C-alpha atoms as a PDB file:
ATOM      1  CA  MET A   1       0.000   0.000   0.000  1.00  0.00           C
ATOM      2  CA  THR A   2       2.716   2.437  -0.887  1.00  0.00           C
ATOM      3  CA  GLY A   3       1.574   5.984  -1.303  1.00  0.00           C
ATOM      4  CA  PHE A   4      -1.882   5.462   0.178  1.00  0.00           C
ATOM      5  CA  ARG A   5      -2.833   8.395   2.381  1.00  0.00           C
ATOM      6  CA  ARG A   6      -4.654   7.310   5.519  1.00  0.00           C
ATOM      7  CA  GLY A   7      -8.039   8.880   6.168  1.00  0.00           C
ATOM      8  CA  THR A   8     -11.762   8.522   5.602  1.00  0.00           C
ATOM      9  CA  ARG A   9     -13.114   9.631   2.245  1.00  0.00           C
ATOM     10  CA  LEU A  10     -16.663  10.166   1.043  1.00  0.00           C
ATOM     11  CA  GLY A  11     -17.826   9.077  -2.397  1.00  0.00           C
ATOM     12  CA  ILE A  12     -20.633  11.205  -3.838  1.00  0.00           C
ATOM     13  CA  ASP A  13     -22.879  10.141  -6.720  1.00  0.00           C
ATOM     14  CA  VAL A  14     -24.760  13.226  -7.938  1.00  0.00           C
ATOM     15  CA  GLY A  15     -28.172  12.613  -9.480  1.00  0.00           C
ATOM     16  CA  LYS A  16     -30.956  14.944 -10.543  1.00  0.00           C
ATOM     17  CA  ALA A  17     -33.309  13.923  -7.701  1.00  0.00           C
ATOM     18  CA  ARG A  18     -30.950  12.359  -5.142  1.00  0.00           C
ATOM     19  CA  VAL A  19     -27.272  12.254  -4.164  1.00  0.00           C
ATOM     20  CA  GLY A  20     -25.790   8.981  -2.961  1.00  0.00           C
ATOM     21  CA  VAL A  21     -23.104   9.177  -0.282  1.00  0.00           C
ATOM     22  CA  ALA A  22     -20.678   6.421   0.713  1.00  0.00           C
ATOM     23  CA  ARG A  23     -17.675   6.371   3.030  1.00  0.00           C
ATOM     24  CA  CYS A  24     -14.599   4.275   3.559  1.00  0.00           C
ATOM     25  CA  ASP A  25     -12.656   3.340   6.658  1.00  0.00           C
ATOM     26  CA  PRO A  26      -9.405   5.302   7.338  1.00  0.00           C
ATOM     27  CA  ASP A  27      -7.324   2.522   5.737  1.00  0.00           C
ATOM     28  CA  GLY A  28      -9.423   2.607   2.568  1.00  0.00           C
ATOM     29  CA  LEU A  29     -10.226  -1.078   2.761  1.00  0.00           C
ATOM     30  CA  LEU A  30     -13.984  -0.981   2.381  1.00  0.00           C
ATOM     31  CA  ALA A  31     -16.503   1.493   0.975  1.00  0.00           C
ATOM     32  CA  THR A  32     -19.946   1.370   2.598  1.00  0.00           C
ATOM     33  CA  PRO A  33     -23.231   3.212   1.947  1.00  0.00           C
ATOM     34  CA  VAL A  34     -24.009   6.196   4.191  1.00  0.00           C
ATOM     35  CA  GLU A  35     -27.108   8.046   3.027  1.00  0.00           C
ATOM     36  CA  THR A  36     -29.225   9.147   0.089  1.00  0.00           C
ATOM     37  CA  VAL A  37     -29.520  12.937   0.254  1.00  0.00           C
ATOM     38  CA  PRO A  38     -32.452  14.601  -1.554  1.00  0.00           C
ATOM     39  CA  ARG A  39     -31.486  17.232  -4.154  1.00  0.00           C
ATOM     40  CA  ASP A  40     -32.662  20.565  -2.767  1.00  0.00           C
ATOM     41  CA  ASP A  41     -31.291  23.765  -1.246  1.00  0.00           C
ATOM     42  CA  ALA A  42     -29.902  21.801   1.735  1.00  0.00           C
ATOM     43  CA  THR A  43     -28.003  19.151  -0.268  1.00  0.00           C
ATOM     44  CA  VAL A  44     -24.524  20.699  -0.006  1.00  0.00           C
ATOM     45  CA  ALA A  45     -24.955  21.539   3.696  1.00  0.00           C
ATOM     46  CA  ARG A  46     -26.033  17.932   4.450  1.00  0.00           C
ATOM     47  CA  ILE A  47     -23.042  16.444   2.617  1.00  0.00           C
ATOM     48  CA  VAL A  48     -20.676  18.862   4.412  1.00  0.00           C
ATOM     49  CA  ALA A  49     -22.256  17.767   7.724  1.00  0.00           C
ATOM     50  CA  LEU A  50     -21.675  14.105   6.778  1.00  0.00           C
ATOM     51  CA  ALA A  51     -18.049  14.926   5.883  1.00  0.00           C
ATOM     52  CA  GLU A  52     -17.574  16.497   9.318  1.00  0.00           C
ATOM     53  CA  GLU A  53     -19.377  13.645  11.077  1.00  0.00           C
ATOM     54  CA  HIS A  54     -17.074  11.083   9.418  1.00  0.00           C
ATOM     55  CA  SER A  55     -13.923  13.270   9.685  1.00  0.00           C
ATOM     56  CA  ALA A  56     -13.422  13.013   5.934  1.00  0.00           C
ATOM     57  CA  LEU A  57      -9.985  13.711   4.475  1.00  0.00           C
ATOM     58  CA  GLU A  58     -11.354  14.201   0.943  1.00  0.00           C
ATOM     59  CA  LEU A  59     -14.553  14.067  -1.061  1.00  0.00           C
ATOM     60  CA  TYR A  60     -14.756  12.154  -4.344  1.00  0.00           C
ATOM     61  CA  VAL A  61     -17.538  13.341  -6.635  1.00  0.00           C
ATOM     62  CA  GLY A  62     -18.413  11.064  -9.535  1.00  0.00           C
ATOM     63  CA  LEU A  63     -17.973  12.724 -12.924  1.00  0.00           C
ATOM     64  CA  PRO A  64     -20.524  11.239 -15.338  1.00  0.00           C
ATOM     65  CA  LEU A  65     -18.832  10.946 -18.730  1.00  0.00           C
ATOM     66  CA  ASN A  66     -20.056   8.950 -21.701  1.00  0.00           C
ATOM     67  CA  LEU A  67     -18.214   5.812 -22.789  1.00  0.00           C
ATOM     68  CA  ARG A  68     -15.949   7.909 -25.054  1.00  0.00           C
ATOM     69  CA  GLY A  69     -14.929  10.024 -22.052  1.00  0.00           C
ATOM     70  CA  GLU A  70     -16.913  13.066 -23.167  1.00  0.00           C
ATOM     71  CA  ASP A  71     -19.193  15.297 -21.122  1.00  0.00           C
ATOM     72  CA  THR A  72     -22.864  14.372 -20.763  1.00  0.00           C
ATOM     73  CA  PRO A  73     -25.783  16.619 -19.749  1.00  0.00           C
ATOM     74  CA  SER A  74     -25.111  15.566 -16.123  1.00  0.00           C
ATOM     75  CA  THR A  75     -21.388  16.388 -16.192  1.00  0.00           C
ATOM     76  CA  GLN A  76     -21.740  20.140 -15.524  1.00  0.00           C
ATOM     77  CA  ASP A  77     -24.226  19.427 -12.725  1.00  0.00           C
ATOM     78  CA  ALA A  78     -21.643  17.190 -11.004  1.00  0.00           C
ATOM     79  CA  ARG A  79     -18.929  19.847 -11.505  1.00  0.00           C
ATOM     80  CA  ASP A  80     -21.217  22.502  -9.973  1.00  0.00           C
ATOM     81  CA  VAL A  81     -21.990  20.341  -6.920  1.00  0.00           C
ATOM     82  CA  ALA A  82     -18.273  19.541  -6.523  1.00  0.00           C
ATOM     83  CA  ALA A  83     -17.376  23.261  -6.640  1.00  0.00           C
ATOM     84  CA  ALA A  84     -20.082  24.069  -4.064  1.00  0.00           C
ATOM     85  CA  LEU A  85     -18.815  21.275  -1.794  1.00  0.00           C
ATOM     86  CA  SER A  86     -15.240  22.519  -2.138  1.00  0.00           C
ATOM     87  CA  ALA A  87     -16.244  26.065  -1.216  1.00  0.00           C
ATOM     88  CA  ALA A  88     -18.531  25.015   1.654  1.00  0.00           C
ATOM     89  CA  SER A  89     -16.306  22.350   3.224  1.00  0.00           C
ATOM     90  CA  GLY A  90     -12.764  23.628   2.684  1.00  0.00           C
ATOM     91  CA  LEU A  91     -11.840  19.998   1.935  1.00  0.00           C
ATOM     92  CA  THR A  92     -10.127  18.713  -1.172  1.00  0.00           C
ATOM     93  CA  VAL A  93     -12.816  17.622  -3.606  1.00  0.00           C
ATOM     94  CA  ARG A  94     -11.748  15.369  -6.470  1.00  0.00           C
ATOM     95  CA  LEU A  95     -13.766  14.616  -9.606  1.00  0.00           C
ATOM     96  CA  VAL A  96     -13.446  10.919 -10.440  1.00  0.00           C
ATOM     97  CA  ASP A  97     -14.564   9.169 -13.603  1.00  0.00           C
ATOM     98  CA  GLU A  98     -17.688   7.276 -12.689  1.00  0.00           C
ATOM     99  CA  ARG A  99     -18.436   5.630 -16.010  1.00  0.00           C
ATOM    100  CA  LEU A 100     -20.508   2.531 -15.355  1.00  0.00           C
ATOM    101  CA  SER A 101     -20.833   3.046 -11.571  1.00  0.00           C
ATOM    102  CA  THR A 102     -24.631   3.413 -11.771  1.00  0.00           C
ATOM    103  CA  VAL A 103     -24.829   0.544 -14.265  1.00  0.00           C
ATOM    104  CA  SER A 104     -22.699  -1.581 -11.888  1.00  0.00           C
ATOM    105  CA  ALA A 105     -24.900  -0.567  -8.962  1.00  0.00           C
ATOM    106  CA  HIS A 106     -28.099  -1.582 -10.781  1.00  0.00           C
ATOM    107  CA  ALA A 107     -26.496  -4.896 -11.815  1.00  0.00           C
ATOM    108  CA  ALA A 108     -25.379  -5.623  -8.234  1.00  0.00           C
ATOM    109  CA  LEU A 109     -28.853  -4.864  -6.879  1.00  0.00           C
ATOM    110  CA  ARG A 110     -30.514  -7.007  -9.570  1.00  0.00           C
ATOM    111  CA  SER A 111     -28.193  -9.915  -8.813  1.00  0.00           C
ATOM    112  CA  SER A 112     -29.123  -9.613  -5.140  1.00  0.00           C
ATOM    113  CA  GLY A 113     -32.762 -10.100  -6.145  1.00  0.00           C
ATOM    114  CA  ARG A 114     -33.990  -6.515  -5.817  1.00  0.00           C
ATOM    115  CA  SER A 115     -36.311  -5.066  -8.432  1.00  0.00           C
ATOM    116  CA  GLN A 116     -35.536  -1.739 -10.108  1.00  0.00           C
ATOM    117  CA  ARG A 117     -38.443  -0.179  -8.187  1.00  0.00           C
ATOM    118  CA  SER A 118     -37.340  -1.448  -4.739  1.00  0.00           C
ATOM    119  CA  SER A 119     -33.760  -0.398  -5.482  1.00  0.00           C
ATOM    120  CA  ARG A 120     -34.532   3.215  -6.363  1.00  0.00           C
ATOM    121  CA  SER A 121     -33.963   4.541  -2.836  1.00  0.00           C
ATOM    122  CA  ILE A 122     -30.553   2.905  -2.441  1.00  0.00           C
ATOM    123  CA  VAL A 123     -29.122   2.716  -5.955  1.00  0.00           C
ATOM    124  CA  ASP A 124     -27.500   6.143  -5.489  1.00  0.00           C
ATOM    125  CA  GLN A 125     -25.721   4.942  -2.333  1.00  0.00           C
ATOM    126  CA  VAL A 126     -24.571   1.777  -4.103  1.00  0.00           C
ATOM    127  CA  ALA A 127     -23.300   3.845  -7.063  1.00  0.00           C
ATOM    128  CA  ALA A 128     -21.392   6.028  -4.555  1.00  0.00           C
ATOM    129  CA  VAL A 129     -19.877   2.862  -3.033  1.00  0.00           C
ATOM    130  CA  VAL A 130     -18.811   1.644  -6.490  1.00  0.00           C
ATOM    131  CA  LEU A 131     -17.177   4.959  -7.469  1.00  0.00           C
ATOM    132  CA  LEU A 132     -15.457   5.290  -4.075  1.00  0.00           C
ATOM    133  CA  GLN A 133     -14.139   1.718  -4.190  1.00  0.00           C
ATOM    134  CA  GLN A 134     -12.816   2.296  -7.735  1.00  0.00           C
ATOM    135  CA  ALA A 135     -11.110   5.539  -6.602  1.00  0.00           C
ATOM    136  CA  LEU A 136      -9.511   3.799  -3.601  1.00  0.00           C
ATOM    137  CA  ASP A 137      -8.275   0.981  -5.834  1.00  0.00           C
ATOM    138  CA  VAL A 138      -6.725   3.522  -8.242  1.00  0.00           C
ATOM    139  CA  GLU A 139      -4.868   5.262  -5.420  1.00  0.00           C
ATOM    140  CA  LYS A 140      -3.625   1.965  -3.993  1.00  0.00           C
ATOM    141  CA  SER A 141      -2.411   0.692  -7.366  1.00  0.00           C
ATOM    142  CA  THR A 142      -0.791   3.932  -8.577  1.00  0.00           C
ATOM    143  CA  GLY A 143       0.188   5.627  -5.309  1.00  0.00           C
ATOM    144  CA  ARG A 144      -1.487   8.801  -6.590  1.00  0.00           C
ATOM    145  CA  PRO A 145      -4.803  10.362  -5.576  1.00  0.00           C
ATOM    146  CA  PRO A 146      -7.548   9.547  -8.096  1.00  0.00           C
ATOM    147  CA  GLY A 147      -9.313  11.995 -10.355  1.00  0.00           C
ATOM    148  CA  THR A 148      -8.851  15.718 -10.748  1.00  0.00           C
ATOM    149  CA  PRO A 149      -8.944  18.179  -7.829  1.00  0.00           C
ATOM    150  CA  VAL A 150     -11.587  20.898  -7.954  1.00  0.00           C
ATOM    151  CA  PRO A 151      -9.791  24.269  -7.800  1.00  0.00           C
ATOM    152  CA  GLN A 152     -10.244  25.962  -4.404  1.00  0.00           C
ATOM    153  CA  GLU A 153     -12.051  29.269  -4.766  1.00  0.00           C
ATOM    154  CA  PRO A 154     -10.394  32.108  -2.841  1.00  0.00           C
ATOM    155  CA  ALA A 155     -12.509  32.944   0.214  1.00  0.00           C
END
């Protein structure tokens, strides 16, 4: 585990109606679901509160790109949420490629016997777990933090 920085991280899967939040243990061994946060005026404040509650070192926001690595209609939304989280939390926020995380989450829920309808409330958390686990695996294998840091806005 050379180069792995110890500390809890939150994975954040931004959706139009809900935001899935996952966390990992300080050693980055396991990502687990935390909460599905409704998308409204309190979304950023709730995620910042979760970051404080879990003493997060960094926040990883999933960047939804298409399979060619290009922006999608949701990409700017994720960037905007990431920038708001960076400004509100003072933490390092990193945008990580989340291609297929929601697809993987739906597949995992289906294979566990859950219908699409019964999975709706937790699929965002599972997608956040998938993107966080992928980000942790990248850092462990390369020794470098995953994704791209969101520039800190001057206060």
